[in-house]
Each structure stands twice: as structure tokens, then as C-alpha cells.
Protein backbone atom coordinates (compact mmCIF):
# COMPACT_ATOMS: atom_id res chain seq x y z
CA UNK A 1 0.00 0.00 0.00
CA UNK A 2 2.88 2.41 0.69
CA UNK A 3 4.01 2.04 -2.91
CA UNK A 4 0.57 2.95 -4.18
CA UNK A 5 0.61 6.17 -2.18
CA UNK A 6 3.73 7.64 -3.76
CA UNK A 7 1.75 8.68 -6.84
CA UNK A 8 0.47 12.08 -7.77
CA UNK A 9 -2.33 13.77 -5.87
CA UNK A 10 -5.12 12.65 -8.17
CA UNK A 11 -4.09 9.02 -7.97
CA UNK A 12 -3.79 9.19 -4.19
CA UNK A 13 -7.23 10.76 -3.97
CA UNK A 14 -8.72 8.00 -6.15
CA UNK A 15 -7.10 5.23 -4.12
CA UNK A 16 -8.01 6.74 -0.75
CA UNK A 17 -11.60 7.28 -1.83
CA UNK A 18 -11.88 3.69 -3.05
CA UNK A 19 -10.41 2.40 0.22
CA UNK A 20 -12.97 4.32 2.25
CA UNK A 21 -15.92 3.22 0.09
CA UNK A 22 -14.85 -0.43 0.14
CA UNK A 23 -14.46 -0.46 3.92
CA UNK A 24 -17.85 1.12 4.47
CA UNK A 25 -19.38 -1.36 2.01
CA UNK A 26 -17.84 -4.41 3.66
CA UNK A 27 -17.82 -3.35 7.32
CA UNK A 28 -20.77 -0.98 7.62
CA UNK A 29 -22.36 0.24 9.78
CA UNK A 30 -19.00 1.69 10.81
CA UNK A 31 -17.81 4.96 12.30
CA UNK A 32 -15.43 7.41 10.67
CA UNK A 33 -12.86 6.65 13.36
CA UNK A 34 -12.98 2.91 12.69
CA UNK A 35 -12.70 3.49 8.94
CA UNK A 36 -9.66 5.66 9.61
CA UNK A 37 -8.02 2.87 11.62
CA UNK A 38 -8.79 0.16 9.06
CA UNK A 39 -7.53 2.04 6.00
CA UNK A 40 -4.68 3.76 7.88
CA UNK A 41 -5.64 7.26 6.78
CA UNK A 42 -5.94 10.31 9.00
CA UNK A 43 -9.37 10.98 10.49
CA UNK A 44 -9.51 14.36 8.73
CA UNK A 45 -8.88 12.70 5.33
CA UNK A 46 -11.57 10.09 5.97
CA UNK A 47 -14.00 12.77 7.16
CA UNK A 48 -13.49 14.85 4.00
CA UNK A 49 -14.01 11.80 1.77
CA UNK A 50 -17.11 10.73 3.71
CA UNK A 51 -18.69 14.18 3.46
CA UNK A 52 -18.23 14.09 -0.30
CA UNK A 53 -19.78 10.60 -0.45
CA UNK A 54 -22.75 11.72 1.62
CA UNK A 55 -23.23 14.73 -0.67
CA UNK A 56 -23.38 12.37 -3.65
CA UNK A 57 -25.80 10.03 -1.83
CA UNK A 58 -23.44 7.04 -1.97
CA UNK A 59 -23.04 6.86 1.81
CA UNK A 60 -25.44 7.87 4.56
CA UNK A 61 -25.48 8.10 8.36
CA UNK A 62 -27.53 5.41 10.09
CA UNK A 63 -27.37 6.23 13.81
CA UNK A 64 -24.83 6.12 16.59
CA UNK A 65 -22.71 3.47 18.26
CA UNK A 66 -22.09 2.91 21.96
CA UNK A 67 -19.55 5.39 23.29
CA UNK A 68 -16.44 4.33 25.18
CA UNK A 69 -16.13 7.87 26.47
CA UNK A 70 -17.08 11.21 24.93
CA UNK A 71 -19.48 11.72 22.04
CA UNK A 72 -21.20 8.67 20.57
CA UNK A 73 -19.72 7.97 17.11
CA UNK A 74 -22.01 8.31 14.10
CA UNK A 75 -22.25 5.17 11.98
CA UNK A 76 -21.95 5.08 8.21
CA UNK A 77 -23.39 2.66 5.68
CA UNK A 78 -23.34 2.33 1.92
CA UNK A 79 -26.53 3.36 0.15
CA UNK A 80 -27.44 -0.03 -1.31
CA UNK A 81 -29.86 1.56 -3.76
CA UNK A 82 -27.45 4.16 -5.12
CA UNK A 83 -27.45 2.07 -8.29
CA UNK A 84 -28.23 -1.41 -9.51
CA UNK A 85 -26.52 -4.35 -11.15
CA UNK A 86 -27.65 -7.35 -13.17
CA UNK A 87 -26.48 -10.86 -12.39
CA UNK A 88 -27.00 -13.35 -15.23
CA UNK A 89 -26.45 -17.10 -15.28
CA UNK A 90 -26.39 -18.93 -18.60
CA UNK A 91 -27.48 -22.55 -18.33
CA UNK A 92 -27.90 -25.34 -20.87
CA UNK A 93 -31.54 -24.51 -21.57
CA UNK A 94 -32.21 -21.17 -19.91
CA UNK A 95 -30.82 -17.86 -18.76
CA UNK A 96 -31.61 -16.49 -15.32
CA UNK A 97 -31.51 -12.70 -15.06
CA UNK A 98 -31.65 -10.90 -11.71
CA UNK A 99 -31.67 -7.21 -10.87
CA UNK A 100 -29.83 -6.56 -7.59
CA UNK A 101 -28.87 -3.69 -5.36
CA UNK A 102 -25.28 -3.04 -4.30
CA UNK A 103 -25.45 -5.71 -1.60
CA UNK A 104 -26.41 -8.29 -4.23
CA UNK A 105 -29.92 -8.52 -2.80
CA UNK A 106 -32.22 -9.72 -5.57
CA UNK A 107 -34.94 -7.20 -6.39
CA UNK A 108 -36.41 -8.94 -9.43
CA UNK A 109 -35.56 -12.23 -11.14
CA UNK A 110 -36.77 -13.87 -14.33
CA UNK A 111 -36.10 -17.12 -16.20
CA UNK A 112 -35.95 -17.28 -20.00
CA UNK A 113 -35.89 -20.68 -21.72
CA UNK A 114 -34.24 -21.61 -25.00
CA UNK A 115 -33.67 -24.79 -26.96
CA UNK A 116 -30.58 -26.79 -26.03
CA UNK A 117 -27.83 -26.07 -28.53
CA UNK A 118 -29.09 -22.58 -29.37
CA UNK A 119 -26.61 -20.20 -30.96
CA UNK A 120 -24.89 -17.47 -28.93
CA UNK A 121 -26.82 -14.89 -30.97
CA UNK A 122 -30.15 -16.33 -29.82
CA UNK A 123 -29.05 -16.35 -26.19
CA UNK A 124 -27.58 -12.83 -26.36
CA UNK A 125 -30.78 -11.44 -27.86
CA UNK A 126 -32.74 -13.16 -25.11
CA UNK A 127 -30.48 -11.60 -22.46
CA UNK A 128 -30.90 -8.14 -24.00
CA UNK A 129 -34.67 -8.49 -24.15
CA UNK A 130 -34.76 -9.82 -20.60
CA UNK A 131 -32.76 -6.90 -19.24
CA UNK A 132 -35.00 -4.43 -21.06
CA UNK A 133 -38.11 -6.17 -19.74
CA UNK A 134 -36.85 -6.04 -16.15
CA UNK A 135 -35.83 -2.39 -16.49
CA UNK A 136 -39.32 -1.56 -17.74
CA UNK A 137 -41.03 -3.57 -15.02
CA UNK A 138 -38.87 -2.02 -12.29
CA UNK A 139 -39.45 1.41 -13.82
CA UNK A 140 -35.82 2.43 -14.19
CA UNK A 141 -33.61 3.24 -17.18
CA UNK A 142 -30.21 1.73 -17.88
CA UNK A 143 -28.48 4.90 -16.65
CA UNK A 144 -29.13 3.55 -13.14
CA UNK A 145 -27.32 0.30 -13.96
CA UNK A 146 -23.71 0.35 -12.73
CA UNK A 147 -22.63 -2.99 -14.20
CA UNK A 148 -23.65 -6.40 -15.49
CA UNK A 149 -22.13 -9.72 -14.44
CA UNK A 150 -22.35 -12.89 -16.52
CA UNK A 151 -21.77 -16.43 -15.26
CA UNK A 152 -21.30 -19.24 -17.78
CA UNK A 153 -20.01 -22.78 -17.73
CA UNK A 154 -16.66 -23.53 -19.30
CA UNK A 155 -13.30 -21.87 -19.75
CA UNK A 156 -13.67 -18.09 -19.62
CA UNK A 157 -11.40 -15.22 -20.66
CA UNK A 158 -12.35 -12.53 -18.16
CA UNK A 159 -10.01 -10.03 -19.78
CA UNK A 160 -11.49 -10.42 -23.28
CA UNK A 161 -15.07 -11.07 -22.20
CA UNK A 162 -15.19 -14.42 -23.96
CA UNK A 163 -16.41 -17.95 -23.44
CA UNK A 164 -13.32 -19.72 -24.78
CA UNK A 165 -14.90 -23.14 -24.56
CA UNK A 166 -18.10 -24.48 -23.04
CA UNK A 167 -18.86 -28.11 -23.83
CA UNK A 168 -22.22 -27.78 -22.05
CA UNK A 169 -23.31 -24.97 -24.39
CA UNK A 170 -21.21 -26.19 -27.35
CA UNK A 171 -19.68 -22.71 -27.70
CA UNK A 172 -16.12 -21.76 -28.57
CA UNK A 173 -14.49 -18.33 -28.64
CA UNK A 174 -17.74 -16.41 -28.13
CA UNK A 175 -17.56 -12.75 -27.08
CA UNK A 176 -20.59 -12.21 -24.88
CA UNK A 177 -19.59 -8.87 -23.40
CA UNK A 178 -19.02 -6.65 -26.44
CA UNK A 179 -22.62 -6.64 -27.68
CA UNK A 180 -24.08 -6.06 -24.21
CA UNK A 181 -21.57 -3.28 -23.52
CA UNK A 182 -22.52 -1.58 -26.78
CA UNK A 183 -26.25 -1.89 -26.09
CA UNK A 184 -26.33 -0.78 -22.44
CA UNK A 185 -23.15 1.31 -22.18
CA UNK A 186 -22.13 -0.12 -18.80
CA UNK A 187 -19.18 -2.24 -17.63
CA UNK A 188 -19.70 -5.95 -18.34
CA UNK A 189 -17.91 -8.70 -16.40
CA UNK A 190 -17.85 -12.44 -17.04
CA UNK A 191 -16.58 -15.48 -15.18
CA UNK A 192 -17.08 -19.20 -14.86
CA UNK A 193 -20.36 -19.99 -13.11
CA UNK A 194 -18.77 -21.93 -10.24
CA UNK A 195 -16.36 -19.04 -9.64
CA UNK A 196 -19.40 -16.75 -9.45
CA UNK A 197 -21.05 -19.04 -6.90
CA UNK A 198 -17.79 -19.16 -4.94
CA UNK A 199 -17.69 -15.36 -4.88
CA UNK A 200 -21.22 -15.33 -3.46
CA UNK A 201 -20.17 -17.89 -0.85
CA UNK A 202 -17.17 -15.74 0.07
CA UNK A 203 -19.13 -12.48 0.31
CA UNK A 204 -22.51 -13.69 1.59
CA UNK A 205 -22.14 -17.23 2.94
CA UNK A 206 -20.01 -19.42 5.18
CA UNK A 207 -16.93 -18.55 3.11
CA UNK A 208 -16.76 -15.23 4.95
CA UNK A 209 -15.06 -17.06 7.80
CA UNK A 210 -12.39 -18.71 5.64
CA UNK A 211 -9.51 -17.33 3.61
CA UNK A 212 -8.70 -20.66 1.91
CA UNK A 213 -11.62 -22.77 0.74
CA UNK A 214 -13.04 -24.59 -2.27
CA UNK A 215 -16.57 -24.73 -3.68
CA UNK A 216 -17.24 -28.08 -5.35
CA UNK A 217 -20.25 -28.06 -7.66
CA UNK A 218 -22.01 -31.33 -8.49
CA UNK A 219 -24.60 -31.27 -11.25
CA UNK A 220 -24.58 -31.60 -15.03
CA UNK A 221 -20.80 -31.49 -14.62
CA UNK A 222 -18.17 -31.03 -11.94
CA UNK A 223 -16.65 -27.64 -11.23
CA UNK A 224 -14.63 -25.99 -8.50
CA UNK A 225 -14.07 -22.44 -7.37
CA UNK A 226 -10.85 -21.97 -5.41
CA UNK A 227 -10.19 -19.22 -2.88
CA UNK A 228 -6.58 -18.80 -1.76
CA UNK A 229 -5.67 -16.02 0.69
CA UNK A 230 -9.05 -14.32 0.21
CA UNK A 231 -8.71 -14.25 -3.60
CA UNK A 232 -10.30 -16.36 -6.30
CA UNK A 233 -7.53 -18.42 -7.86
CA UNK A 234 -7.47 -18.58 -11.67
CA UNK A 235 -4.05 -19.99 -12.49
CA UNK A 236 -1.75 -18.73 -15.22
CA UNK A 237 -4.26 -18.88 -18.09
CA UNK A 238 -7.56 -18.73 -16.21
CA UNK A 239 -8.27 -22.45 -16.30
CA UNK A 240 -7.93 -23.29 -12.61
CA UNK A 241 -11.01 -24.98 -11.22
CA UNK A 242 -11.73 -27.31 -14.15
CA UNK A 243 -11.44 -30.16 -11.69
CA UNK A 244 -14.03 -32.19 -13.53
CA UNK A 245 -11.40 -32.91 -16.15
CA UNK A 246 -8.73 -34.50 -14.03
CA UNK A 247 -8.24 -38.08 -15.22
CA UNK A 248 -9.41 -40.75 -12.77
CA UNK A 249 -9.51 -43.68 -15.24
CA UNK A 250 -7.32 -43.47 -18.34
CA UNK A 251 -9.35 -46.21 -20.03
CA UNK A 252 -12.66 -44.91 -18.75
CA UNK A 253 -15.74 -43.30 -20.21
CA UNK A 254 -15.26 -40.82 -23.05
CA UNK A 255 -15.83 -37.27 -21.86
CA UNK A 256 -17.46 -34.59 -24.00
CA UNK A 257 -14.17 -32.65 -23.70
CA UNK A 258 -12.46 -35.37 -25.78
CA UNK A 259 -10.50 -37.04 -22.98
CA UNK A 260 -11.10 -40.47 -21.49
CA UNK A 261 -11.88 -41.04 -17.83
CA UNK A 262 -12.53 -37.49 -16.61
CA UNK A 263 -13.85 -37.16 -13.07
CA UNK A 264 -16.91 -35.44 -14.54
CA UNK A 265 -17.94 -38.70 -16.22
CA UNK A 266 -17.91 -40.47 -12.86
CA UNK A 267 -19.08 -37.86 -10.35
CA UNK A 268 -21.88 -35.93 -12.09
CA UNK A 269 -25.13 -36.46 -13.97
CA UNK A 270 -23.62 -38.18 -17.06
CA UNK A 271 -22.46 -41.01 -14.78
CA UNK A 272 -26.03 -41.71 -13.70
CA UNK A 273 -27.12 -42.19 -17.31
CA UNK A 274 -24.13 -44.25 -18.45
CA UNK A 275 -24.00 -46.46 -15.39
CA UNK A 276 -27.78 -46.63 -15.13
CA UNK A 277 -28.23 -47.96 -18.65
CA UNK A 278 -25.42 -50.45 -18.04
CA UNK A 279 -26.85 -51.75 -14.76
CA UNK A 280 -30.55 -51.65 -15.61
CA UNK A 281 -30.62 -55.18 -17.03
CA UNK A 282 -29.44 -56.53 -13.67
CA UNK A 283 -32.55 -55.26 -11.88
CA UNK A 284 -35.87 -57.04 -12.36
CA UNK A 285 -37.85 -53.91 -11.62
CA UNK A 286 -36.95 -50.26 -11.49
CA UNK A 287 -38.76 -46.93 -11.64
CA UNK A 288 -36.02 -45.55 -13.89
CA UNK A 289 -36.47 -45.65 -17.66
CA UNK A 290 -34.60 -43.29 -20.01
CA UNK A 291 -34.36 -40.25 -17.72
CA UNK A 292 -31.41 -40.51 -15.34
CA UNK A 293 -31.36 -36.89 -14.25
CA UNK A 294 -30.55 -36.11 -10.62
CA UNK A 295 -34.18 -35.25 -9.92
CA UNK A 296 -35.52 -38.52 -11.38
CA UNK A 297 -32.91 -40.73 -9.74
CA UNK A 298 -33.44 -38.98 -6.42
CA UNK A 299 -37.20 -39.38 -6.71
CA UNK A 300 -36.78 -43.10 -7.40
CA UNK A 301 -34.36 -43.47 -4.48
CA UNK A 302 -36.88 -41.92 -2.09
CA UNK A 303 -39.24 -44.72 -3.16
CA UNK A 304 -36.58 -47.31 -2.31
CA UNK A 305 -35.73 -48.14 -5.91
CA UNK A 306 -32.69 -50.43 -5.68
CA UNK A 307 -31.09 -49.27 -8.93
CA UNK A 308 -31.39 -45.60 -7.98
CA UNK A 309 -29.90 -46.23 -4.56
CA UNK A 310 -26.98 -48.19 -6.05
CA UNK A 311 -26.29 -45.47 -8.62
CA UNK A 312 -26.13 -42.78 -5.96
CA UNK A 313 -23.92 -44.95 -3.77
CA UNK A 314 -21.41 -45.37 -6.60
CA UNK A 315 -21.66 -41.69 -7.47
CA UNK A 316 -20.94 -40.76 -3.86
CA UNK A 317 -17.72 -42.78 -3.79
CA UNK A 318 -16.58 -41.10 -7.01
CA UNK A 319 -17.36 -37.66 -5.60
CA UNK A 320 -15.28 -38.64 -2.58
CA UNK A 321 -12.35 -39.33 -4.91
CA UNK A 322 -12.72 -35.81 -6.31
CA UNK A 323 -12.90 -34.24 -2.86
CA UNK A 324 -9.75 -36.04 -1.75
CA UNK A 325 -7.89 -34.86 -4.85
CA UNK A 326 -8.97 -31.26 -4.29
CA UNK A 327 -8.12 -31.33 -0.58
CA UNK A 328 -4.74 -32.95 -1.05
CA UNK A 329 -3.90 -30.51 -3.86
CA UNK A 330 -4.88 -27.23 -2.18
CA UNK A 331 -5.12 -27.97 1.56
CA UNK A 332 -8.18 -25.73 2.09
CA UNK A 333 -9.76 -25.15 5.48
CA UNK A 334 -13.16 -25.99 4.01
CA UNK A 335 -14.87 -27.58 1.01
CA UNK A 336 -18.38 -26.29 0.30
CA UNK A 337 -20.65 -28.60 -1.69
CA UNK A 338 -23.08 -26.89 -4.09
CA UNK A 339 -25.05 -27.58 -7.25
CA UNK A 340 -28.31 -29.16 -8.40
CA UNK A 341 -26.96 -32.63 -7.67
CA UNK A 342 -27.15 -31.87 -3.95
CA UNK A 343 -30.85 -32.68 -4.11
CA UNK A 344 -29.76 -36.32 -3.69
CA UNK A 345 -27.17 -35.65 -0.97
CA UNK A 346 -28.87 -37.88 1.60
CA UNK A 347 -28.18 -40.89 -0.60
CA UNK A 348 -24.65 -40.21 -1.88
CA UNK A 349 -23.00 -37.90 0.64
CA UNK A 350 -22.35 -40.50 3.39
CA UNK A 351 -20.27 -42.56 0.92
CA UNK A 352 -18.39 -39.48 -0.30
CA UNK A 353 -17.57 -38.36 3.24
CA UNK A 354 -16.47 -41.84 4.31
CA UNK A 355 -14.09 -42.19 1.37
CA UNK A 356 -12.72 -38.68 1.88
CA UNK A 357 -12.22 -39.26 5.60
CA UNK A 358 -10.25 -42.45 4.95
CA UNK A 359 -7.95 -40.84 2.41
CA UNK A 360 -6.95 -37.45 3.80
CA UNK A 361 -3.22 -36.93 3.44
CA UNK A 362 -3.16 -34.55 6.36
CA UNK A 363 -2.68 -34.19 10.07
CA UNK A 364 -5.71 -35.72 11.78
CA UNK A 365 -6.05 -32.58 13.91
CA UNK A 366 -6.16 -30.30 10.85
CA UNK A 367 -8.75 -31.99 8.68
CA UNK A 368 -10.61 -29.96 6.13
CA UNK A 369 -14.22 -29.16 6.99
CA UNK A 370 -16.78 -30.35 4.46
CA UNK A 371 -20.01 -28.36 4.52
CA UNK A 372 -23.14 -27.81 2.46
CA UNK A 373 -23.82 -24.34 1.09
CA UNK A 374 -26.76 -22.59 2.71
CA UNK A 375 -27.19 -19.96 0.01
CA UNK A 376 -29.43 -21.84 -2.42
CA UNK A 377 -29.89 -21.41 -6.16
CA UNK A 378 -30.03 -17.60 -6.00
CA UNK A 379 -26.29 -17.59 -5.24
CA UNK A 380 -25.50 -18.21 -8.93
CA UNK A 381 -26.97 -14.88 -10.04
CA UNK A 382 -25.93 -13.09 -6.85
CA UNK A 383 -22.37 -14.20 -7.54
CA UNK A 384 -22.68 -12.93 -11.11
CA UNK A 385 -23.87 -9.56 -9.79
CA UNK A 386 -20.97 -9.50 -7.35
CA UNK A 387 -18.57 -9.82 -10.28
CA UNK A 388 -19.71 -6.33 -11.23
CA UNK A 389 -20.17 -4.96 -7.70
CA UNK A 390 -16.72 -6.00 -6.48
CA UNK A 391 -15.04 -4.56 -9.56
CA UNK A 392 -16.92 -1.28 -9.19
CA UNK A 393 -15.63 -0.80 -5.65
CA UNK A 394 -12.24 -2.38 -6.09
CA UNK A 395 -9.25 -0.32 -4.99
CA UNK A 396 -7.71 0.89 -8.28
CA UNK A 397 -4.35 -0.46 -9.37
CA UNK A 398 -2.08 1.48 -11.70
CA UNK A 399 0.80 0.80 -14.01
CA UNK A 400 4.18 1.57 -12.45
CA UNK A 401 4.68 4.54 -14.78
CA UNK A 402 1.54 6.14 -13.35
CA UNK A 403 2.83 5.85 -9.81
CA UNK A 404 5.92 8.00 -10.26
CA UNK A 405 5.95 11.30 -8.42
CA UNK A 406 5.21 14.11 -10.84
């Protein structure tokens, strides 16, 4: 931080202002004195910045705190409704679009369905129309929108605003951000959908208490979001977290990515279909026919269908293999399980936990916690919105040439 403050006055002012806003956003209600201590700026500097923020309606006073002696300090909080963001999740057959305030609270949410395999143009037009519909219904114009966050499956280039490859959507090298940026004239941000969920978990869920944790998503595929030292980890080229494509059986099932034996083919929905069709002949009766989705297999399992129960047992062991690999690779304090597959957790999770517990390569007193997310399905779009919100309030970073004293 000292290096950042050797710049010219304008840069210092920008950085100090951003520091104050971010601390009020994250820690509010908070007093001016406590902001001053947290950001290590003088009280007079913080006071001047706060007065300017109050004038512009971005921050407001919300009451007083208990005094330890002297005047009771006035508390500050971010005006959550200063502006709005959109969080958008693109799924295999639908887009979910949510309007949120600056705390990622959902104000209005809509689902828009499309045919599996639809072109990016069809989906983009649907997103545009959905945003316009929500703006009209909420009676605001896009000048009140501060940013839009997109969450998609696959390998994402955040810098270029592209879906580099999504086998679920069958898209390659698709620029989703440019057209939306041109239409709405606001900043557009994009990330992998599990990273977006992980961001929501970090900001709004049990991840707030952990600086190193992993979100493991079980559903149509397998994905992970990795937080290391309070930062989402992307790796050198942005591909970190594609844990579904580690090889667990070199001669195993063919994955849609082109490899053989990916974890995704053994620990997510495709496994239920492949294994289910293989095993079905061994069962005299079963409620399962052609549909081996998580919801159908779970429904059959609740009715004591032997095939469904066996499939989920095998799935659970395979998920356990994935959890062990993730834990032994990153040594997180916690793994959070998320995704639509968790509907069947009562049937597969005991087997996953047992296998993981038996195979930790770790000190028995320092075992990784394994927990279920409490956020629910809204976290996908809230995380997408937070992609925009966090960038909007991020402390600015500058090139070294900008930081020279002038």
C-alpha cells in the first residue's frame, strides 16, 4: 500500500476514496474513526471523503454506536440503492436474469428458456430483451445500472469477455460482453459460473469465515471455485477450477471434452445415465427408464428403488475421490458442496464423506471441513452480480509509470 501512495495527488485521492468506500461497504455500519483505523488514513482525510460521499448520496449516516467515552460515534453505511446491477447465469436450456442492489440482494428475477444447442446470438438477444423487460417492469432506465455480471459454464477469458470453450453450451471463442456493452453502455464482467457461486459464498455465505476454501459443484458437470488467501484463484491462463477434467480412469468413459476417464464422467449427472443404462438389465424392476437426471434418480431413491440407490452410492464414492484430490492438492480449510446434484445428498454424501475421511493426506487434527452451502440457487446470479459490484468498488491499481511522483 505504501508504494501505491507515492503517486500524484489525483491518484492518491482516487485510491483513498476507493479504500474508504470499500471499507464502508464491507464493514458498515461503521464509524469514521474505525474506517480511519482500518484504511490507515488520517481521520480528517476520511472525514473529507465521507462528506463528499454523503453529498453524492453514496453513503449515509444510520445512527450512533455505543460510546467508550465522549461523544457517541455516528455510523456510516453504503446506500445499497445508489445504483443497480444485473447478475445473469447462462445454463444449458435457460438464462436467469436478476436485478440486484449493491449488496447483491435480488430485487427482481426472471427465467428465460431456449432450446438446447441454441446459438450465442439467440441467447444474447434473449439476455438483451430480458434486461429491457426487467428495467421496464422495475421502472428504471439503464443509466441507473452500474454494471452487469455474466456467469457461464466452461473456460472463460475474463479479460477479453469471452467464453473460450463451453462443452455444455457447445460454444467456442464467443464474445458475450461486447454486444451487451454496446447496447447498455455499462461495464460488463464475465466469469465461470462456479467461480461466481464461490464469490457469493465468500461475500454472503459461510466462506466469509475462511480465507482458503473450495466450492465443489455437483450437477450436469463437476466444477470448482478456489479461494486462496481471500482471492479467487485462476491460475496462469484462467483455467484453474476445471477439476471435472482430471483423469481418474485413463481407459474410462469418453468425456465430452475429448479425454477419457474425466472425473466429470464419474461424479456428475452423465455417470447416472451411463451407469444406469449399463446396470438396468441386472434389476428385475426399477422406476427408472430413459431419464437418469438427478431429480428422477433422487425421486426413485426416495421410493426405495434399488437401482437408484446403487447409482447414488457409486456416485458418492466417485465424488469422494474428487474431494480427496482437491483437498490434497490445495489444503483448504473448508470444502463447500453446491449444485443441483445436492438434491440427492442424503443418498450419496455418506459414501463421499467416508471415502474422503479415509484418504486425507493430512494431520488428523487439521482436517478440512466439508459443509453444504446454505445460500441456495439464487447464489448463482448473486455471484454474477458481485462480479460487477466487487469490480466497481475495487481499490484501483495502476501501471508503475503512473505511480511516479510528478
